[in-house]
Structure formats: C-alpha cells, structure tokens
PDB file of N, CA and C in Angstrom:
ATOM      1  N   UNK A   1    -111.666 -14.432  43.738  1.00  0.00           N
ATOM      2  CA  UNK A   1    -111.360 -13.891  44.860  1.00  0.00           C
ATOM      3  C   UNK A   1    -109.938 -13.833  45.060  1.00  0.00           C
ATOM      4  N   UNK A   2    -108.982 -14.515  44.327  1.00  0.00           N
ATOM      5  CA  UNK A   2    -107.473 -14.678  44.554  1.00  0.00           C
ATOM      6  C   UNK A   2    -106.910 -13.768  43.129  1.00  0.00           C
ATOM      7  N   UNK A   3    -107.802 -13.538  42.346  1.00  0.00           N
ATOM      8  CA  UNK A   3    -107.476 -12.826  41.158  1.00  0.00           C
ATOM      9  C   UNK A   3    -107.665 -11.300  41.373  1.00  0.00           C
ATOM     10  N   UNK A   4    -108.615 -10.818  42.412  1.00  0.00           N
ATOM     11  CA  UNK A   4    -108.907  -9.573  42.925  1.00  0.00           C
ATOM     12  C   UNK A   4    -107.625  -9.270  43.787  1.00  0.00           C
ATOM     13  N   UNK A   5    -107.271 -10.068  44.492  1.00  0.00           N
ATOM     14  CA  UNK A   5    -106.112  -9.650  45.501  1.00  0.00           C
ATOM     15  C   UNK A   5    -104.931  -9.513  44.338  1.00  0.00           C
ATOM     16  N   UNK A   6    -104.662 -10.365  43.441  1.00  0.00           N
ATOM     17  CA  UNK A   6    -103.578 -10.395  42.990  1.00  0.00           C
ATOM     18  C   UNK A   6    -103.434  -9.090  41.993  1.00  0.00           C
ATOM     19  N   UNK A   7    -104.897  -8.640  41.500  1.00  0.00           N
ATOM     20  CA  UNK A   7    -104.570  -7.446  40.743  1.00  0.00           C
ATOM     21  C   UNK A   7    -104.578  -6.062  41.513  1.00  0.00           C
ATOM     22  N   UNK A   8    -105.127  -6.166  42.864  1.00  0.00           N
ATOM     23  CA  UNK A   8    -104.995  -5.148  43.645  1.00  0.00           C
ATOM     24  C   UNK A   8    -103.533  -5.177  44.219  1.00  0.00           C
ATOM     25  N   UNK A   9    -102.676  -6.321  44.418  1.00  0.00           N
ATOM     26  CA  UNK A   9    -101.337  -5.995  44.727  1.00  0.00           C
ATOM     27  C   UNK A   9    -100.608  -5.530  43.846  1.00  0.00           C
ATOM     28  N   UNK A  10    -100.852  -5.937  42.555  1.00  0.00           N
ATOM     29  CA  UNK A  10    -100.036  -5.474  41.066  1.00  0.00           C
ATOM     30  C   UNK A  10    -100.286  -3.674  41.207  1.00  0.00           C
ATOM     31  N   UNK A  11    -101.738  -3.356  41.353  1.00  0.00           N
ATOM     32  CA  UNK A  11    -102.062  -1.801  41.589  1.00  0.00           C
ATOM     33  C   UNK A  11    -101.159  -1.216  42.472  1.00  0.00           C
ATOM     34  N   UNK A  12    -101.194  -1.663  43.462  1.00  0.00           N
ATOM     35  CA  UNK A  12    -100.412  -1.045  44.636  1.00  0.00           C
ATOM     36  C   UNK A  12     -98.715  -0.958  44.543  1.00  0.00           C
ATOM     37  N   UNK A  13     -98.184  -2.153  44.222  1.00  0.00           N
ATOM     38  CA  UNK A  13     -96.760  -2.004  43.674  1.00  0.00           C
ATOM     39  C   UNK A  13     -96.389  -1.358  42.657  1.00  0.00           C
ATOM     40  N   UNK A  14     -97.417  -1.066  41.409  1.00  0.00           N
ATOM     41  CA  UNK A  14     -97.160   0.047  40.401  1.00  0.00           C
ATOM     42  C   UNK A  14     -97.443   1.170  41.221  1.00  0.00           C
ATOM     43  N   UNK A  15     -98.171   1.773  41.834  1.00  0.00           N
ATOM     44  CA  UNK A  15     -98.355   2.920  42.250  1.00  0.00           C
ATOM     45  C   UNK A  15     -97.233   3.321  43.265  1.00  0.00           C
ATOM     46  N   UNK A  16     -96.596   2.393  43.998  1.00  0.00           N
ATOM     47  CA  UNK A  16     -95.388   2.462  45.167  1.00  0.00           C
ATOM     48  C   UNK A  16     -94.078   2.837  44.238  1.00  0.00           C
ATOM     49  N   UNK A  17     -93.929   2.101  42.988  1.00  0.00           N
ATOM     50  CA  UNK A  17     -93.044   2.338  42.014  1.00  0.00           C
ATOM     51  C   UNK A  17     -93.158   3.738  41.624  1.00  0.00           C
ATOM     52  N   UNK A  18     -94.368   4.275  41.085  1.00  0.00           N
ATOM     53  CA  UNK A  18     -94.371   5.666  40.404  1.00  0.00           C
ATOM     54  C   UNK A  18     -93.957   6.597  41.476  1.00  0.00           C
ATOM     55  N   UNK A  19     -94.454   6.402  42.717  1.00  0.00           N
ATOM     56  CA  UNK A  19     -94.107   7.394  43.837  1.00  0.00           C
ATOM     57  C   UNK A  19     -92.562   7.360  44.018  1.00  0.00           C
ATOM     58  N   UNK A  20     -91.806   6.139  44.331  1.00  0.00           N
ATOM     59  CA  UNK A  20     -90.245   6.263  44.451  1.00  0.00           C
ATOM     60  C   UNK A  20     -89.706   6.942  43.191  1.00  0.00           C
ATOM     61  N   UNK A  21     -90.302   6.596  41.827  1.00  0.00           N
ATOM     62  CA  UNK A  21     -89.590   7.418  40.814  1.00  0.00           C
ATOM     63  C   UNK A  21     -89.571   8.747  40.937  1.00  0.00           C
ATOM     64  N   UNK A  22     -90.802   9.359  41.303  1.00  0.00           N
ATOM     65  CA  UNK A  22     -91.256  10.726  41.532  1.00  0.00           C
ATOM     66  C   UNK A  22     -90.199  11.313  42.350  1.00  0.00           C
ATOM     67  N   UNK A  23     -90.315  10.604  43.811  1.00  0.00           N
ATOM     68  CA  UNK A  23     -89.431  11.136  44.420  1.00  0.00           C
ATOM     69  C   UNK A  23     -88.108  11.382  44.319  1.00  0.00           C
ATOM     70  N   UNK A  24     -87.425  10.179  43.540  1.00  0.00           N
ATOM     71  CA  UNK A  24     -85.840  10.379  43.004  1.00  0.00           C
ATOM     72  C   UNK A  24     -85.735  11.312  42.209  1.00  0.00           C
ATOM     73  N   UNK A  25     -86.580  11.467  41.326  1.00  0.00           N
ATOM     74  CA  UNK A  25     -86.755  12.645  40.457  1.00  0.00           C
ATOM     75  C   UNK A  25     -86.663  13.819  41.116  1.00  0.00           C
ATOM     76  N   UNK A  26     -87.309  14.096  42.091  1.00  0.00           N
ATOM     77  CA  UNK A  26     -87.443  15.327  42.599  1.00  0.00           C
ATOM     78  C   UNK A  26     -86.099  15.537  43.502  1.00  0.00           C
ATOM     79  N   UNK A  27     -85.597  14.442  44.274  1.00  0.00           N
ATOM     80  CA  UNK A  27     -84.534  14.652  44.955  1.00  0.00           C
ATOM     81  C   UNK A  27     -82.997  14.917  44.070  1.00  0.00           C
ATOM     82  N   UNK A  28     -83.228  14.342  42.649  1.00  0.00           N
ATOM     83  CA  UNK A  28     -82.089  14.729  42.015  1.00  0.00           C
ATOM     84  C   UNK A  28     -82.341  16.096  41.293  1.00  0.00           C
ATOM     85  N   UNK A  29     -83.376  16.475  40.984  1.00  0.00           N
ATOM     86  CA  UNK A  29     -83.287  17.945  40.873  1.00  0.00           C
ATOM     87  C   UNK A  29     -82.809  18.756  41.614  1.00  0.00           C
ATOM     88  N   UNK A  30     -83.261  18.723  43.088  1.00  0.00           N
ATOM     89  CA  UNK A  30     -82.625  19.433  44.263  1.00  0.00           C
ATOM     90  C   UNK A  30     -81.599  19.617  43.990  1.00  0.00           C
ATOM     91  N   UNK A  31     -80.766  18.260  43.962  1.00  0.00           N
ATOM     92  CA  UNK A  31     -79.521  18.068  43.969  1.00  0.00           C
ATOM     93  C   UNK A  31     -78.602  18.903  43.103  1.00  0.00           C
ATOM     94  N   UNK A  32     -79.200  18.966  41.748  1.00  0.00           N
ATOM     95  CA  UNK A  32     -78.872  19.596  40.726  1.00  0.00           C
ATOM     96  C   UNK A  32     -78.862  21.073  40.975  1.00  0.00           C
ATOM     97  N   UNK A  33     -79.913  21.406  41.422  1.00  0.00           N
ATOM     98  CA  UNK A  33     -80.301  22.900  41.597  1.00  0.00           C
ATOM     99  C   UNK A  33     -79.123  23.420  42.725  1.00  0.00           C
ATOM    100  N   UNK A  34     -79.058  22.714  43.358  1.00  0.00           N
ATOM    101  CA  UNK A  34     -77.768  23.062  44.727  1.00  0.00           C
ATOM    102  C   UNK A  34     -76.515  23.311  44.224  1.00  0.00           C
ATOM    103  N   UNK A  35     -76.022  22.303  43.196  1.00  0.00           N
ATOM    104  CA  UNK A  35     -74.967  22.288  42.916  1.00  0.00           C
ATOM    105  C   UNK A  35     -74.573  23.174  41.844  1.00  0.00           C
ATOM    106  N   UNK A  36     -75.681  23.765  41.072  1.00  0.00           N
ATOM    107  CA  UNK A  36     -75.470  24.537  40.171  1.00  0.00           C
ATOM    108  C   UNK A  36     -75.767  26.026  40.358  1.00  0.00           C
ATOM    109  N   UNK A  37     -76.223  26.315  41.695  1.00  0.00           N
ATOM    110  CA  UNK A  37     -76.513  27.742  42.164  1.00  0.00           C
ATOM    111  C   UNK A  37     -75.548  28.460  42.159  1.00  0.00           C
ATOM    112  N   UNK A  38     -75.511  29.593  42.169  1.00  0.00           N
ATOM    113  CA  UNK A  38     -74.426  30.574  42.234  1.00  0.00           C
ATOM    114  C   UNK A  38     -74.429  30.744  44.086  1.00  0.00           C
ATOM    115  N   UNK A  39     -73.138  30.510  44.414  1.00  0.00           N
ATOM    116  CA  UNK A  39     -72.665  30.621  45.525  1.00  0.00           C
ATOM    117  C   UNK A  39     -73.082  31.753  46.729  1.00  0.00           C
ATOM    118  N   UNK A  40     -73.576  31.678  47.697  1.00  0.00           N
ATOM    119  CA  UNK A  40     -74.165  32.986  48.295  1.00  0.00           C
ATOM    120  C   UNK A  40     -72.851  33.505  49.011  1.00  0.00           C
ATOM    121  N   UNK A  41     -72.259  34.875  48.774  1.00  0.00           N
ATOM    122  CA  UNK A  41     -70.965  35.170  49.009  1.00  0.00           C
ATOM    123  C   UNK A  41     -71.400  36.463  49.945  1.00  0.00           C
ATOM    124  N   UNK A  42     -72.181  36.137  50.944  1.00  0.00           N
ATOM    125  CA  UNK A  42     -72.963  37.481  51.676  1.00  0.00           C
ATOM    126  C   UNK A  42     -71.567  37.535  53.141  1.00  0.00           C
TER     127      UNK A  42
END
C-alpha cells in the first residue's frame, strides 16, 4: 500500500517538474523573441 503511494507521489512530482521546465522554456523563448524582434515603427 505505502509503496504504491510513494511511487504515485514520485510520478506526480516528476510530471510537475516536467511541466514547470516546459513552461519555463516557453517563457524564455517568448522573451527572446520579443527582445530580438524588429521594432514596430508604425
């Protein structure tokens, strides 16, 4: 019983870490795109 809960907690923690890393990478990409995009001179 405890072994299953421990494994489940590990899987949930790993999934949360992956989601956090993916969001961080996406935010970083968006920031670089904004910083390096040509200025809008309209």
